[in-house]
Amino acid sequence: MNVNRLTLLVVMAFLMALSLLKGPLPSVMAQYEIKELTPELKTALDSRRARKGTLDELKQKGVLGENNHGYVEVLSADPAAKSLAAAENRDRKVIYETIAQQHGLEGAMDTIEKVFAQEQRDRAQPGDKVQDESGRWTTK
């Protein structure tokens, strides 16, 4: 599978996973939807939805940021943030692995994580900390 097709597939699968959190997306994306909403995936999505407000608040305060591997990173000493980030990252890993398994991309986790990282950077709110591909942290 070429890199462009893989990237498109991962982005589309990510958007479908996101739609499970936020609502429907255009029907053109239906071919890349999550094929099976497993109990583990449902739990991960529900948990992410429940912590979204707190996660967004901590991002706005600069306590958390989006790293260049598709995960949340703690940027200041805050025990509650560390626990929240660990839970968020566990759930993201479940989502990434589910997308990989359901689309036959098990050997492409690095690519999936990088594509998700770009999506998170693109969706970051003004004031959020994001890490670019080179590893440099900036404020959006």
N, C-alpha and C. Protein backbone atom coordinates (compact mmCIF):
# COMPACT_ATOMS: atom_id res chain seq x y z
N MET A 1 0.85 -1.16 0.00
CA MET A 1 0.00 0.00 0.00
C MET A 1 0.91 1.24 0.00
N ASN A 2 0.63 2.18 -0.92
CA ASN A 2 1.51 3.35 -0.96
C ASN A 2 1.19 4.31 0.18
N VAL A 3 2.15 5.18 0.47
CA VAL A 3 2.05 6.08 1.64
C VAL A 3 0.86 7.01 1.53
N ASN A 4 0.57 7.56 0.34
CA ASN A 4 -0.55 8.49 0.20
C ASN A 4 -1.88 7.81 0.49
N ARG A 5 -2.05 6.59 -0.01
CA ARG A 5 -3.30 5.86 0.25
C ARG A 5 -3.41 5.53 1.73
N LEU A 6 -2.30 5.10 2.32
CA LEU A 6 -2.28 4.79 3.75
C LEU A 6 -2.63 6.02 4.57
N THR A 7 -2.04 7.15 4.24
CA THR A 7 -2.32 8.39 4.97
C THR A 7 -3.79 8.75 4.84
N LEU A 8 -4.34 8.67 3.63
CA LEU A 8 -5.76 8.99 3.43
C LEU A 8 -6.64 8.04 4.24
N LEU A 9 -6.30 6.76 4.22
CA LEU A 9 -7.09 5.78 4.96
C LEU A 9 -7.06 6.07 6.45
N VAL A 10 -5.89 6.39 6.97
CA VAL A 10 -5.77 6.68 8.40
C VAL A 10 -6.55 7.94 8.76
N VAL A 11 -6.44 8.98 7.95
CA VAL A 11 -7.17 10.22 8.22
C VAL A 11 -8.66 9.96 8.21
N MET A 12 -9.12 9.22 7.23
CA MET A 12 -10.55 8.95 7.14
C MET A 12 -11.02 8.12 8.34
N ALA A 13 -10.24 7.14 8.73
CA ALA A 13 -10.62 6.34 9.89
C ALA A 13 -10.63 7.20 11.15
N PHE A 14 -9.66 8.11 11.27
CA PHE A 14 -9.63 9.02 12.41
C PHE A 14 -10.88 9.89 12.44
N LEU A 15 -11.25 10.42 11.29
CA LEU A 15 -12.43 11.27 11.24
C LEU A 15 -13.69 10.50 11.61
N MET A 16 -13.74 9.24 11.20
CA MET A 16 -14.88 8.43 11.59
C MET A 16 -14.89 8.18 13.10
N ALA A 17 -13.73 7.92 13.67
CA ALA A 17 -13.67 7.75 15.13
C ALA A 17 -14.08 9.04 15.81
N LEU A 18 -13.64 10.16 15.29
CA LEU A 18 -14.01 11.46 15.84
C LEU A 18 -15.52 11.68 15.73
N SER A 19 -16.10 11.22 14.63
CA SER A 19 -17.54 11.40 14.46
C SER A 19 -18.32 10.64 15.53
N LEU A 20 -17.77 9.54 16.02
CA LEU A 20 -18.44 8.80 17.09
C LEU A 20 -18.47 9.63 18.37
N LEU A 21 -17.53 10.58 18.50
CA LEU A 21 -17.52 11.47 19.65
C LEU A 21 -18.40 12.69 19.43
N LYS A 22 -18.44 13.20 18.20
CA LYS A 22 -19.06 14.50 17.94
C LYS A 22 -20.29 14.46 17.06
N GLY A 23 -20.58 13.37 16.38
CA GLY A 23 -21.73 13.33 15.50
C GLY A 23 -21.33 12.92 14.09
N PRO A 24 -22.32 12.83 13.19
CA PRO A 24 -22.08 12.28 11.86
C PRO A 24 -21.17 13.14 10.99
N LEU A 25 -20.47 12.48 10.09
CA LEU A 25 -19.64 13.13 9.08
C LEU A 25 -20.24 12.84 7.71
N PRO A 26 -19.80 13.52 6.68
CA PRO A 26 -20.35 13.28 5.34
C PRO A 26 -20.28 11.80 4.95
N SER A 27 -21.28 11.38 4.17
CA SER A 27 -21.40 9.97 3.82
C SER A 27 -20.25 9.46 2.96
N VAL A 28 -19.52 10.34 2.28
CA VAL A 28 -18.38 9.91 1.48
C VAL A 28 -17.35 9.20 2.35
N MET A 29 -17.34 9.46 3.64
CA MET A 29 -16.37 8.85 4.54
C MET A 29 -16.83 7.49 5.07
N ALA A 30 -18.02 7.09 4.72
CA ALA A 30 -18.58 5.85 5.26
C ALA A 30 -17.71 4.64 4.95
N GLN A 31 -17.02 4.64 3.81
CA GLN A 31 -16.20 3.48 3.46
C GLN A 31 -15.03 3.28 4.42
N TYR A 32 -14.69 4.30 5.22
CA TYR A 32 -13.57 4.20 6.15
C TYR A 32 -14.02 4.17 7.60
N GLU A 33 -15.29 3.96 7.83
CA GLU A 33 -15.77 3.99 9.21
C GLU A 33 -15.23 2.83 10.03
N ILE A 34 -15.34 3.01 11.33
CA ILE A 34 -15.01 1.91 12.24
C ILE A 34 -15.95 0.77 11.87
N LYS A 35 -15.38 -0.37 11.58
CA LYS A 35 -16.19 -1.48 11.09
C LYS A 35 -16.99 -2.14 12.19
N GLU A 36 -16.43 -2.17 13.38
CA GLU A 36 -17.12 -2.79 14.51
C GLU A 36 -16.83 -1.97 15.77
N LEU A 37 -17.88 -1.51 16.41
CA LEU A 37 -17.74 -0.76 17.65
C LEU A 37 -17.64 -1.78 18.79
N THR A 38 -16.43 -2.22 19.04
CA THR A 38 -16.19 -3.22 20.07
C THR A 38 -16.43 -2.60 21.45
N PRO A 39 -16.66 -3.43 22.47
CA PRO A 39 -16.83 -2.88 23.81
C PRO A 39 -15.63 -2.05 24.26
N GLU A 40 -14.42 -2.51 23.94
CA GLU A 40 -13.21 -1.77 24.32
C GLU A 40 -13.16 -0.40 23.62
N LEU A 41 -13.51 -0.38 22.35
CA LEU A 41 -13.52 0.88 21.61
C LEU A 41 -14.61 1.81 22.14
N LYS A 42 -15.79 1.29 22.41
CA LYS A 42 -16.87 2.10 22.95
C LYS A 42 -16.46 2.72 24.29
N THR A 43 -15.84 1.92 25.14
CA THR A 43 -15.38 2.42 26.44
C THR A 43 -14.36 3.54 26.25
N ALA A 44 -13.42 3.35 25.32
CA ALA A 44 -12.40 4.38 25.06
C ALA A 44 -13.05 5.67 24.56
N LEU A 45 -13.99 5.57 23.64
CA LEU A 45 -14.67 6.76 23.10
C LEU A 45 -15.50 7.46 24.17
N ASP A 46 -16.22 6.67 24.98
CA ASP A 46 -17.02 7.26 26.06
C ASP A 46 -16.13 7.96 27.09
N SER A 47 -15.00 7.35 27.41
CA SER A 47 -14.08 7.94 28.39
C SER A 47 -13.49 9.24 27.84
N ARG A 48 -13.13 9.24 26.56
CA ARG A 48 -12.59 10.47 25.96
C ARG A 48 -13.64 11.58 25.98
N ARG A 49 -14.86 11.22 25.67
CA ARG A 49 -15.94 12.22 25.66
C ARG A 49 -16.12 12.81 27.06
N ALA A 50 -16.05 11.97 28.08
CA ALA A 50 -16.25 12.41 29.47
C ALA A 50 -15.14 13.33 29.96
N ARG A 51 -13.93 13.13 29.48
CA ARG A 51 -12.82 13.97 29.98
C ARG A 51 -12.50 15.15 29.07
N LYS A 52 -13.19 15.30 27.96
CA LYS A 52 -12.84 16.32 26.97
C LYS A 52 -12.80 17.73 27.56
N GLY A 53 -13.76 18.10 28.35
CA GLY A 53 -13.79 19.45 28.93
C GLY A 53 -12.57 19.73 29.80
N THR A 54 -12.24 18.79 30.66
CA THR A 54 -11.07 18.96 31.54
C THR A 54 -9.79 18.97 30.72
N LEU A 55 -9.71 18.11 29.73
CA LEU A 55 -8.54 18.06 28.86
C LEU A 55 -8.35 19.40 28.14
N ASP A 56 -9.44 19.94 27.60
CA ASP A 56 -9.38 21.22 26.90
C ASP A 56 -8.94 22.35 27.83
N GLU A 57 -9.44 22.34 29.06
CA GLU A 57 -9.05 23.36 30.05
C GLU A 57 -7.55 23.31 30.33
N LEU A 58 -7.03 22.10 30.53
CA LEU A 58 -5.61 21.95 30.83
C LEU A 58 -4.73 22.31 29.62
N LYS A 59 -5.24 22.07 28.42
CA LYS A 59 -4.52 22.49 27.23
C LYS A 59 -4.45 24.02 27.16
N GLN A 60 -5.57 24.66 27.46
CA GLN A 60 -5.61 26.13 27.41
C GLN A 60 -4.68 26.76 28.45
N LYS A 61 -4.49 26.07 29.57
CA LYS A 61 -3.60 26.57 30.62
C LYS A 61 -2.14 26.25 30.33
N GLY A 62 -1.86 25.48 29.27
CA GLY A 62 -0.50 25.13 28.92
C GLY A 62 0.06 23.99 29.74
N VAL A 63 -0.81 23.31 30.48
CA VAL A 63 -0.38 22.18 31.32
C VAL A 63 -0.21 20.93 30.46
N LEU A 64 -1.04 20.79 29.43
CA LEU A 64 -0.98 19.67 28.50
C LEU A 64 -0.79 20.19 27.09
N GLY A 65 -0.16 19.38 26.26
CA GLY A 65 -0.02 19.71 24.85
C GLY A 65 -0.16 18.46 24.01
N GLU A 66 -0.31 18.67 22.71
CA GLU A 66 -0.40 17.56 21.75
C GLU A 66 0.98 17.30 21.19
N ASN A 67 1.53 16.11 21.44
CA ASN A 67 2.87 15.83 20.94
C ASN A 67 2.84 15.36 19.48
N ASN A 68 4.01 15.14 18.91
CA ASN A 68 4.08 14.79 17.49
C ASN A 68 3.95 13.29 17.22
N HIS A 69 3.44 12.56 18.20
CA HIS A 69 3.17 11.13 18.05
C HIS A 69 1.70 10.80 18.24
N GLY A 70 0.85 11.83 18.32
CA GLY A 70 -0.58 11.59 18.44
C GLY A 70 -1.09 11.40 19.85
N TYR A 71 -0.29 11.81 20.83
CA TYR A 71 -0.68 11.64 22.23
C TYR A 71 -0.58 12.97 22.98
N VAL A 72 -1.23 13.02 24.14
CA VAL A 72 -1.17 14.18 25.01
C VAL A 72 0.09 14.08 25.86
N GLU A 73 0.73 15.20 26.07
CA GLU A 73 1.94 15.21 26.88
C GLU A 73 1.80 16.25 27.99
N VAL A 74 2.25 15.89 29.19
CA VAL A 74 2.21 16.80 30.33
C VAL A 74 3.41 17.74 30.21
N LEU A 75 3.13 19.05 30.29
CA LEU A 75 4.16 20.06 30.09
C LEU A 75 4.55 20.79 31.37
N SER A 76 3.84 20.51 32.46
CA SER A 76 4.21 21.11 33.75
C SER A 76 3.88 20.10 34.86
N ALA A 77 4.48 20.32 36.01
CA ALA A 77 4.29 19.38 37.12
C ALA A 77 2.88 19.52 37.70
N ASP A 78 2.05 18.59 37.34
CA ASP A 78 0.66 18.59 37.80
C ASP A 78 0.21 17.14 37.87
N PRO A 79 0.13 16.57 39.10
CA PRO A 79 -0.22 15.15 39.24
C PRO A 79 -1.57 14.78 38.62
N ALA A 80 -2.56 15.67 38.72
CA ALA A 80 -3.87 15.38 38.14
C ALA A 80 -3.77 15.34 36.62
N ALA A 81 -2.96 16.23 36.05
CA ALA A 81 -2.78 16.25 34.60
C ALA A 81 -2.09 14.98 34.12
N LYS A 82 -1.14 14.50 34.91
CA LYS A 82 -0.42 13.29 34.55
C LYS A 82 -1.38 12.10 34.46
N SER A 83 -2.25 11.99 35.43
CA SER A 83 -3.23 10.91 35.45
C SER A 83 -4.21 11.04 34.28
N LEU A 84 -4.67 12.25 34.02
CA LEU A 84 -5.60 12.50 32.91
C LEU A 84 -4.94 12.17 31.57
N ALA A 85 -3.69 12.60 31.41
CA ALA A 85 -2.97 12.33 30.16
C ALA A 85 -2.78 10.83 29.96
N ALA A 86 -2.44 10.12 31.00
CA ALA A 86 -2.24 8.67 30.89
C ALA A 86 -3.54 7.98 30.44
N ALA A 87 -4.66 8.39 31.01
CA ALA A 87 -5.95 7.80 30.63
C ALA A 87 -6.30 8.15 29.18
N GLU A 88 -6.09 9.39 28.80
CA GLU A 88 -6.37 9.82 27.43
C GLU A 88 -5.50 9.05 26.44
N ASN A 89 -4.23 8.91 26.76
CA ASN A 89 -3.32 8.22 25.86
C ASN A 89 -3.64 6.73 25.74
N ARG A 90 -4.08 6.12 26.82
CA ARG A 90 -4.52 4.71 26.75
C ARG A 90 -5.70 4.58 25.78
N ASP A 91 -6.64 5.49 25.89
CA ASP A 91 -7.82 5.43 25.02
C ASP A 91 -7.46 5.72 23.57
N ARG A 92 -6.57 6.67 23.34
CA ARG A 92 -6.14 6.94 21.96
C ARG A 92 -5.45 5.70 21.37
N LYS A 93 -4.64 5.04 22.16
CA LYS A 93 -3.95 3.84 21.69
C LYS A 93 -4.97 2.77 21.29
N VAL A 94 -6.03 2.61 22.07
CA VAL A 94 -7.09 1.65 21.72
C VAL A 94 -7.70 2.02 20.37
N ILE A 95 -7.98 3.30 20.18
CA ILE A 95 -8.58 3.75 18.92
C ILE A 95 -7.62 3.51 17.76
N TYR A 96 -6.37 3.90 17.91
CA TYR A 96 -5.38 3.72 16.84
C TYR A 96 -5.23 2.23 16.49
N GLU A 97 -5.13 1.39 17.51
CA GLU A 97 -4.95 -0.04 17.27
C GLU A 97 -6.19 -0.65 16.62
N THR A 98 -7.37 -0.18 17.02
CA THR A 98 -8.60 -0.69 16.41
C THR A 98 -8.66 -0.32 14.94
N ILE A 99 -8.32 0.92 14.62
CA ILE A 99 -8.31 1.35 13.21
C ILE A 99 -7.31 0.50 12.43
N ALA A 100 -6.15 0.29 13.00
CA ALA A 100 -5.13 -0.52 12.32
C ALA A 100 -5.64 -1.95 12.08
N GLN A 101 -6.21 -2.56 13.10
CA GLN A 101 -6.70 -3.93 12.98
C GLN A 101 -7.84 -4.03 11.98
N GLN A 102 -8.78 -3.10 12.04
CA GLN A 102 -9.96 -3.19 11.19
C GLN A 102 -9.69 -2.83 9.73
N HIS A 103 -8.55 -2.22 9.47
CA HIS A 103 -8.20 -1.84 8.09
C HIS A 103 -6.92 -2.52 7.61
N GLY A 104 -6.46 -3.53 8.35
CA GLY A 104 -5.29 -4.29 7.92
C GLY A 104 -4.01 -3.47 7.92
N LEU A 105 -3.87 -2.57 8.88
CA LEU A 105 -2.71 -1.67 8.94
C LEU A 105 -1.86 -1.90 10.18
N GLU A 106 -1.86 -3.13 10.69
CA GLU A 106 -1.16 -3.42 11.95
C GLU A 106 0.30 -3.00 11.94
N GLY A 107 0.98 -3.07 10.81
CA GLY A 107 2.39 -2.72 10.74
C GLY A 107 2.64 -1.23 10.53
N ALA A 108 1.59 -0.43 10.62
CA ALA A 108 1.72 0.99 10.28
C ALA A 108 1.40 1.91 11.46
N MET A 109 1.61 1.43 12.69
CA MET A 109 1.25 2.26 13.85
C MET A 109 1.99 3.59 13.87
N ASP A 110 3.26 3.60 13.48
CA ASP A 110 4.01 4.84 13.46
C ASP A 110 3.36 5.86 12.53
N THR A 111 2.94 5.41 11.36
CA THR A 111 2.27 6.29 10.41
C THR A 111 0.92 6.74 10.96
N ILE A 112 0.18 5.83 11.54
CA ILE A 112 -1.13 6.17 12.11
C ILE A 112 -0.96 7.24 13.19
N GLU A 113 0.00 7.05 14.08
CA GLU A 113 0.23 8.01 15.15
C GLU A 113 0.64 9.38 14.60
N LYS A 114 1.47 9.40 13.58
CA LYS A 114 1.89 10.68 12.99
C LYS A 114 0.73 11.38 12.30
N VAL A 115 -0.12 10.63 11.62
CA VAL A 115 -1.29 11.23 10.97
C VAL A 115 -2.24 11.79 12.02
N PHE A 116 -2.45 11.04 13.08
CA PHE A 116 -3.31 11.52 14.16
C PHE A 116 -2.70 12.76 14.81
N ALA A 117 -1.38 12.78 14.97
CA ALA A 117 -0.72 13.95 15.55
C ALA A 117 -0.99 15.18 14.70
N GLN A 118 -0.90 15.04 13.39
CA GLN A 118 -1.17 16.17 12.50
C GLN A 118 -2.62 16.62 12.64
N GLU A 119 -3.53 15.66 12.71
CA GLU A 119 -4.95 16.01 12.89
C GLU A 119 -5.16 16.76 14.20
N GLN A 120 -4.51 16.31 15.27
CA GLN A 120 -4.64 16.99 16.56
C GLN A 120 -4.06 18.41 16.49
N ARG A 121 -2.93 18.57 15.79
CA ARG A 121 -2.36 19.92 15.63
C ARG A 121 -3.33 20.81 14.86
N ASP A 122 -3.91 20.27 13.80
CA ASP A 122 -4.83 21.05 12.98
C ASP A 122 -6.08 21.44 13.76
N ARG A 123 -6.52 20.59 14.65
CA ARG A 123 -7.75 20.84 15.43
C ARG A 123 -7.49 21.60 16.74
N ALA A 124 -6.24 21.82 17.07
CA ALA A 124 -5.91 22.52 18.32
C ALA A 124 -6.50 23.93 18.31
N GLN A 125 -6.88 24.38 19.49
CA GLN A 125 -7.46 25.71 19.65
C GLN A 125 -6.34 26.74 19.81
N PRO A 126 -6.62 28.00 19.47
CA PRO A 126 -5.62 29.04 19.72
C PRO A 126 -5.22 29.03 21.20
N GLY A 127 -3.93 29.07 21.46
CA GLY A 127 -3.41 29.02 22.82
C GLY A 127 -2.94 27.64 23.23
N ASP A 128 -3.37 26.59 22.51
CA ASP A 128 -2.93 25.23 22.83
C ASP A 128 -1.47 25.04 22.43
N LYS A 129 -0.77 24.20 23.19
CA LYS A 129 0.62 23.85 22.88
C LYS A 129 0.61 22.61 21.98
N VAL A 130 1.37 22.70 20.90
CA VAL A 130 1.49 21.58 19.96
C VAL A 130 2.96 21.38 19.61
N GLN A 131 3.31 20.15 19.35
CA GLN A 131 4.68 19.81 18.98
C GLN A 131 4.71 19.53 17.48
N ASP A 132 5.57 20.23 16.76
CA ASP A 132 5.64 20.00 15.31
C ASP A 132 6.43 18.72 15.02
N GLU A 133 6.51 18.37 13.74
CA GLU A 133 7.17 17.12 13.34
C GLU A 133 8.62 17.06 13.78
N SER A 134 9.28 18.23 13.90
CA SER A 134 10.69 18.23 14.28
C SER A 134 10.90 18.11 15.79
N GLY A 135 9.80 18.21 16.57
CA GLY A 135 9.89 18.10 18.03
C GLY A 135 9.81 19.43 18.74
N ARG A 136 9.69 20.52 18.00
CA ARG A 136 9.63 21.87 18.60
C ARG A 136 8.21 22.15 19.08
N TRP A 137 8.10 22.63 20.32
CA TRP A 137 6.82 23.00 20.89
C TRP A 137 6.50 24.45 20.54
N THR A 138 5.24 24.68 20.12
CA THR A 138 4.78 26.04 19.81
C THR A 138 3.39 26.22 20.39
N THR A 139 2.96 27.46 20.46
CA THR A 139 1.60 27.77 20.87
C THR A 139 0.81 28.13 19.62
N LYS A 140 -0.29 27.44 19.44
CA LYS A 140 -1.11 27.68 18.24
C LYS A 140 -1.83 29.01 18.35
